[in-house]
Amino acid sequence: MTSPKSLSRTTPSVVTANTIVSSLLTVETRGAGFTDLSSEVTKFLRDVHAREGAVTLFIRHTSASLTIQENADPTVLVDLATALDRLAPESAGWRHDTEGPDDMPAHIKAMLTSTSLHVPVLQGAPALGTWQAIYLVEHRARPHRREIVLQFVGVAE
């Protein structure tokens, strides 16, 4: 194991959460793929006058998911979709196919990713890295209406 050349950390900030605000975000997907939710999350935080705390996203479905991934190079999302298709192909002989051949693979892909995300909020914005974005991942081939619960806990102005 190697030691890092240097470490640094900012002075801790301490806040007492005085606000819990929730909202339901409805997203119409176009079928399998990634939908960037970053601007909607930022807008929610702005609307609730969030200052410092955390925002949680929770998707209320079993065949779609949430993830934080790169937002600079769109081929990353293509490669991620390819990897998920290889991990859970439609042609694997799944027994559960009530809603079609993409039904069980969609459940597996959702299990491999996340149904919720927890993102720190600093100075009123999600504390995402330069190349990060928050995505809804639709795992079904046809369009769906997806519901995501947004909840901010922290200090608001």
C-alpha atoms as a PDB file:
ATOM      1  CA  MET A   1       0.000   0.000   0.000  1.00  0.00           C
ATOM      2  CA  THR A   2       1.334   3.444  -0.882  1.00  0.00           C
ATOM      3  CA  SER A   3       0.863   6.666   1.027  1.00  0.00           C
ATOM      4  CA  PRO A   4      -0.518   9.737  -0.733  1.00  0.00           C
ATOM      5  CA  LYS A   5       1.881  12.622  -1.358  1.00  0.00           C
ATOM      6  CA  SER A   6      -0.314  14.967   0.626  1.00  0.00           C
ATOM      7  CA  LEU A   7      -3.718  15.194   2.231  1.00  0.00           C
ATOM      8  CA  SER A   8      -5.782  18.249   3.012  1.00  0.00           C
ATOM      9  CA  ARG A   9      -9.214  18.840   4.456  1.00  0.00           C
ATOM     10  CA  THR A  10     -11.233  21.993   4.928  1.00  0.00           C
ATOM     11  CA  THR A  11     -12.387  23.123   8.339  1.00  0.00           C
ATOM     12  CA  PRO A  12     -15.589  21.225   9.205  1.00  0.00           C
ATOM     13  CA  SER A  13     -18.800  23.199   8.968  1.00  0.00           C
ATOM     14  CA  VAL A  14     -21.470  22.519  11.554  1.00  0.00           C
ATOM     15  CA  VAL A  15     -25.140  23.206  10.917  1.00  0.00           C
ATOM     16  CA  THR A  16     -28.287  22.283  12.743  1.00  0.00           C
ATOM     17  CA  ALA A  17     -30.872  21.054  10.269  1.00  0.00           C
ATOM     18  CA  ASN A  18     -34.024  23.109  10.556  1.00  0.00           C
ATOM     19  CA  THR A  19     -35.654  22.217   7.274  1.00  0.00           C
ATOM     20  CA  ILE A  20     -37.028  19.101   5.613  1.00  0.00           C
ATOM     21  CA  VAL A  21     -38.631  19.725   2.234  1.00  0.00           C
ATOM     22  CA  SER A  22     -39.944  17.046  -0.127  1.00  0.00           C
ATOM     23  CA  SER A  23     -41.188  17.118  -3.699  1.00  0.00           C
ATOM     24  CA  LEU A  24     -42.219  14.538  -6.288  1.00  0.00           C
ATOM     25  CA  LEU A  25     -40.471  14.796  -9.664  1.00  0.00           C
ATOM     26  CA  THR A  26     -42.218  13.060 -12.571  1.00  0.00           C
ATOM     27  CA  VAL A  27     -40.115  12.176 -15.597  1.00  0.00           C
ATOM     28  CA  GLU A  28     -41.416  10.876 -18.920  1.00  0.00           C
ATOM     29  CA  THR A  29     -38.687   8.645 -20.351  1.00  0.00           C
ATOM     30  CA  ARG A  30     -38.304   7.835 -24.039  1.00  0.00           C
ATOM     31  CA  GLY A  31     -37.275   4.244 -23.413  1.00  0.00           C
ATOM     32  CA  ALA A  32     -33.976   2.721 -22.375  1.00  0.00           C
ATOM     33  CA  GLY A  33     -31.270   5.248 -21.638  1.00  0.00           C
ATOM     34  CA  PHE A  34     -30.031   7.984 -19.326  1.00  0.00           C
ATOM     35  CA  THR A  35     -31.900  11.185 -18.425  1.00  0.00           C
ATOM     36  CA  ASP A  36     -29.849  13.933 -16.760  1.00  0.00           C
ATOM     37  CA  LEU A  37     -31.676  15.171 -13.646  1.00  0.00           C
ATOM     38  CA  SER A  38     -28.927  17.501 -12.395  1.00  0.00           C
ATOM     39  CA  SER A  39     -30.619  20.743 -13.433  1.00  0.00           C
ATOM     40  CA  GLU A  40     -33.941  19.643 -11.898  1.00  0.00           C
ATOM     41  CA  VAL A  41     -32.230  18.810  -8.600  1.00  0.00           C
ATOM     42  CA  THR A  42     -30.446  22.182  -8.648  1.00  0.00           C
ATOM     43  CA  LYS A  43     -33.746  23.942  -9.399  1.00  0.00           C
ATOM     44  CA  PHE A  44     -35.439  22.113  -6.506  1.00  0.00           C
ATOM     45  CA  LEU A  45     -32.670  23.230  -4.135  1.00  0.00           C
ATOM     46  CA  ARG A  46     -32.952  26.812  -5.399  1.00  0.00           C
ATOM     47  CA  ASP A  47     -36.768  26.771  -5.027  1.00  0.00           C
ATOM     48  CA  VAL A  48     -36.538  25.605  -1.391  1.00  0.00           C
ATOM     49  CA  HIS A  49     -33.751  28.113  -0.643  1.00  0.00           C
ATOM     50  CA  ALA A  50     -31.401  25.318   0.427  1.00  0.00           C
ATOM     51  CA  ARG A  51     -28.096  26.453   1.878  1.00  0.00           C
ATOM     52  CA  GLU A  52     -26.295  23.477   3.405  1.00  0.00           C
ATOM     53  CA  GLY A  53     -27.365  19.888   4.081  1.00  0.00           C
ATOM     54  CA  ALA A  54     -28.159  16.945   1.843  1.00  0.00           C
ATOM     55  CA  VAL A  55     -30.563  16.056  -0.924  1.00  0.00           C
ATOM     56  CA  THR A  56     -31.878  12.530  -1.287  1.00  0.00           C
ATOM     57  CA  LEU A  57     -33.391  11.161  -4.492  1.00  0.00           C
ATOM     58  CA  PHE A  58     -35.496   7.981  -4.366  1.00  0.00           C
ATOM     59  CA  ILE A  59     -37.027   6.380  -7.459  1.00  0.00           C
ATOM     60  CA  ARG A  60     -40.331   4.616  -6.845  1.00  0.00           C
ATOM     61  CA  HIS A  61     -39.849   1.850  -9.406  1.00  0.00           C
ATOM     62  CA  THR A  62     -38.176  -1.563  -9.776  1.00  0.00           C
ATOM     63  CA  SER A  63     -37.176  -1.371 -13.440  1.00  0.00           C
ATOM     64  CA  ALA A  64     -35.449   2.023 -13.465  1.00  0.00           C
ATOM     65  CA  SER A  65     -32.687   3.418 -11.276  1.00  0.00           C
ATOM     66  CA  LEU A  66     -30.531   6.397 -10.338  1.00  0.00           C
ATOM     67  CA  THR A  67     -26.808   6.929 -10.721  1.00  0.00           C
ATOM     68  CA  ILE A  68     -24.112   9.582 -10.617  1.00  0.00           C
ATOM     69  CA  GLN A  69     -21.856   9.349 -13.636  1.00  0.00           C
ATOM     70  CA  GLU A  70     -19.712  11.353 -16.043  1.00  0.00           C
ATOM     71  CA  ASN A  71     -21.439  14.157 -17.921  1.00  0.00           C
ATOM     72  CA  ALA A  72     -18.637  15.201 -20.302  1.00  0.00           C
ATOM     73  CA  ASP A  73     -18.262  12.338 -22.778  1.00  0.00           C
ATOM     74  CA  PRO A  74     -21.562  10.794 -23.955  1.00  0.00           C
ATOM     75  CA  THR A  75     -19.781   7.566 -24.954  1.00  0.00           C
ATOM     76  CA  VAL A  76     -19.468   6.796 -21.218  1.00  0.00           C
ATOM     77  CA  LEU A  77     -23.260   6.437 -21.023  1.00  0.00           C
ATOM     78  CA  VAL A  78     -23.303   4.289 -24.176  1.00  0.00           C
ATOM     79  CA  ASP A  79     -20.635   2.007 -22.711  1.00  0.00           C
ATOM     80  CA  LEU A  80     -22.475   1.789 -19.377  1.00  0.00           C
ATOM     81  CA  ALA A  81     -25.678   0.764 -21.175  1.00  0.00           C
ATOM     82  CA  THR A  82     -23.700  -1.849 -23.127  1.00  0.00           C
ATOM     83  CA  ALA A  83     -22.188  -3.220 -19.906  1.00  0.00           C
ATOM     84  CA  LEU A  84     -25.612  -3.487 -18.244  1.00  0.00           C
ATOM     85  CA  ASP A  85     -27.010  -5.245 -21.346  1.00  0.00           C
ATOM     86  CA  ARG A  86     -24.143  -7.753 -21.179  1.00  0.00           C
ATOM     87  CA  LEU A  87     -24.735  -8.372 -17.457  1.00  0.00           C
ATOM     88  CA  ALA A  88     -28.481  -8.899 -17.915  1.00  0.00           C
ATOM     89  CA  PRO A  89     -29.263  -9.812 -21.532  1.00  0.00           C
ATOM     90  CA  GLU A  90     -32.844 -10.307 -22.687  1.00  0.00           C
ATOM     91  CA  SER A  91     -31.960 -13.684 -24.223  1.00  0.00           C
ATOM     92  CA  ALA A  92     -30.854 -15.381 -20.991  1.00  0.00           C
ATOM     93  CA  GLY A  93     -34.007 -17.469 -20.593  1.00  0.00           C
ATOM     94  CA  TRP A  94     -35.539 -15.544 -17.690  1.00  0.00           C
ATOM     95  CA  ARG A  95     -38.726 -16.988 -16.227  1.00  0.00           C
ATOM     96  CA  HIS A  96     -40.231 -13.608 -15.327  1.00  0.00           C
ATOM     97  CA  ASP A  97     -41.353 -12.029 -18.606  1.00  0.00           C
ATOM     98  CA  THR A  98     -44.837 -10.798 -17.707  1.00  0.00           C
ATOM     99  CA  GLU A  99     -44.319  -7.425 -19.385  1.00  0.00           C
ATOM    100  CA  GLY A 100     -42.005  -8.611 -22.166  1.00  0.00           C
ATOM    101  CA  PRO A 101     -38.462  -9.888 -22.678  1.00  0.00           C
ATOM    102  CA  ASP A 102     -36.905  -6.726 -21.190  1.00  0.00           C
ATOM    103  CA  ASP A 103     -38.857  -7.069 -17.921  1.00  0.00           C
ATOM    104  CA  MET A 104     -36.531  -9.291 -15.867  1.00  0.00           C
ATOM    105  CA  PRO A 105     -33.322  -7.755 -17.268  1.00  0.00           C
ATOM    106  CA  ALA A 106     -34.680  -4.342 -16.182  1.00  0.00           C
ATOM    107  CA  HIS A 107     -35.163  -5.603 -12.609  1.00  0.00           C
ATOM    108  CA  ILE A 108     -31.614  -6.982 -12.527  1.00  0.00           C
ATOM    109  CA  LYS A 109     -30.146  -3.733 -13.884  1.00  0.00           C
ATOM    110  CA  ALA A 110     -32.044  -1.742 -11.247  1.00  0.00           C
ATOM    111  CA  MET A 111     -30.695  -4.076  -8.549  1.00  0.00           C
ATOM    112  CA  LEU A 112     -27.134  -3.578  -9.810  1.00  0.00           C
ATOM    113  CA  THR A 113     -27.426   0.207  -9.745  1.00  0.00           C
ATOM    114  CA  SER A 114     -29.315   2.318  -7.161  1.00  0.00           C
ATOM    115  CA  THR A 115     -32.846   3.203  -6.177  1.00  0.00           C
ATOM    116  CA  SER A 116     -31.658   6.147  -4.079  1.00  0.00           C
ATOM    117  CA  LEU A 117     -28.870   8.706  -3.997  1.00  0.00           C
ATOM    118  CA  HIS A 118     -27.670  10.952  -1.183  1.00  0.00           C
ATOM    119  CA  VAL A 119     -25.836  14.083  -2.314  1.00  0.00           C
ATOM    120  CA  PRO A 120     -24.318  16.726  -0.022  1.00  0.00           C
ATOM    121  CA  VAL A 121     -25.529  20.291  -0.574  1.00  0.00           C
ATOM    122  CA  LEU A 122     -22.991  23.092  -0.165  1.00  0.00           C
ATOM    123  CA  GLN A 123     -23.766  26.768  -0.747  1.00  0.00           C
ATOM    124  CA  GLY A 124     -27.187  25.865  -2.147  1.00  0.00           C
ATOM    125  CA  ALA A 125     -26.019  23.431  -4.828  1.00  0.00           C
ATOM    126  CA  PRO A 126     -25.364  19.694  -5.111  1.00  0.00           C
ATOM    127  CA  ALA A 127     -21.692  19.077  -4.234  1.00  0.00           C
ATOM    128  CA  LEU A 128     -21.035  17.174  -7.457  1.00  0.00           C
ATOM    129  CA  GLY A 129     -17.604  16.937  -9.030  1.00  0.00           C
ATOM    130  CA  THR A 130     -16.766  18.768 -12.241  1.00  0.00           C
ATOM    131  CA  TRP A 131     -17.617  15.836 -14.498  1.00  0.00           C
ATOM    132  CA  GLN A 132     -20.523  14.374 -12.504  1.00  0.00           C
ATOM    133  CA  ALA A 133     -24.238  14.426 -13.239  1.00  0.00           C
ATOM    134  CA  ILE A 134     -27.271  12.782 -11.648  1.00  0.00           C
ATOM    135  CA  TYR A 135     -29.093  10.418 -14.010  1.00  0.00           C
ATOM    136  CA  LEU A 136     -32.325   8.485 -14.092  1.00  0.00           C
ATOM    137  CA  VAL A 137     -31.554   5.207 -15.875  1.00  0.00           C
ATOM    138  CA  GLU A 138     -34.520   3.765 -17.742  1.00  0.00           C
ATOM    139  CA  HIS A 139     -34.034   0.021 -18.160  1.00  0.00           C
ATOM    140  CA  ARG A 140     -37.205  -0.701 -20.147  1.00  0.00           C
ATOM    141  CA  ALA A 141     -37.362  -0.453 -23.939  1.00  0.00           C
ATOM    142  CA  ARG A 142     -40.599   1.519 -24.096  1.00  0.00           C
ATOM    143  CA  PRO A 143     -41.316   4.964 -22.607  1.00  0.00           C
ATOM    144  CA  HIS A 144     -42.437   5.150 -18.979  1.00  0.00           C
ATOM    145  CA  ARG A 145     -43.559   7.747 -16.471  1.00  0.00           C
ATOM    146  CA  ARG A 146     -41.162   7.604 -13.534  1.00  0.00           C
ATOM    147  CA  GLU A 147     -41.579   9.211 -10.120  1.00  0.00           C
ATOM    148  CA  ILE A 148     -38.638  10.373  -8.041  1.00  0.00           C
ATOM    149  CA  VAL A 149     -38.986  11.685  -4.508  1.00  0.00           C
ATOM    150  CA  LEU A 150     -36.655  14.623  -3.837  1.00  0.00           C
ATOM    151  CA  GLN A 151     -35.972  15.505  -0.215  1.00  0.00           C
ATOM    152  CA  PHE A 152     -33.722  18.215   1.157  1.00  0.00           C
ATOM    153  CA  VAL A 153     -32.640  18.078   4.813  1.00  0.00           C
ATOM    154  CA  GLY A 154     -30.559  20.913   6.178  1.00  0.00           C
ATOM    155  CA  VAL A 155     -30.468  24.664   6.535  1.00  0.00           C
ATOM    156  CA  ALA A 156     -32.471  26.898   4.224  1.00  0.00           C
ATOM    157  CA  GLU A 157     -32.530  30.667   4.032  1.00  0.00           C
END
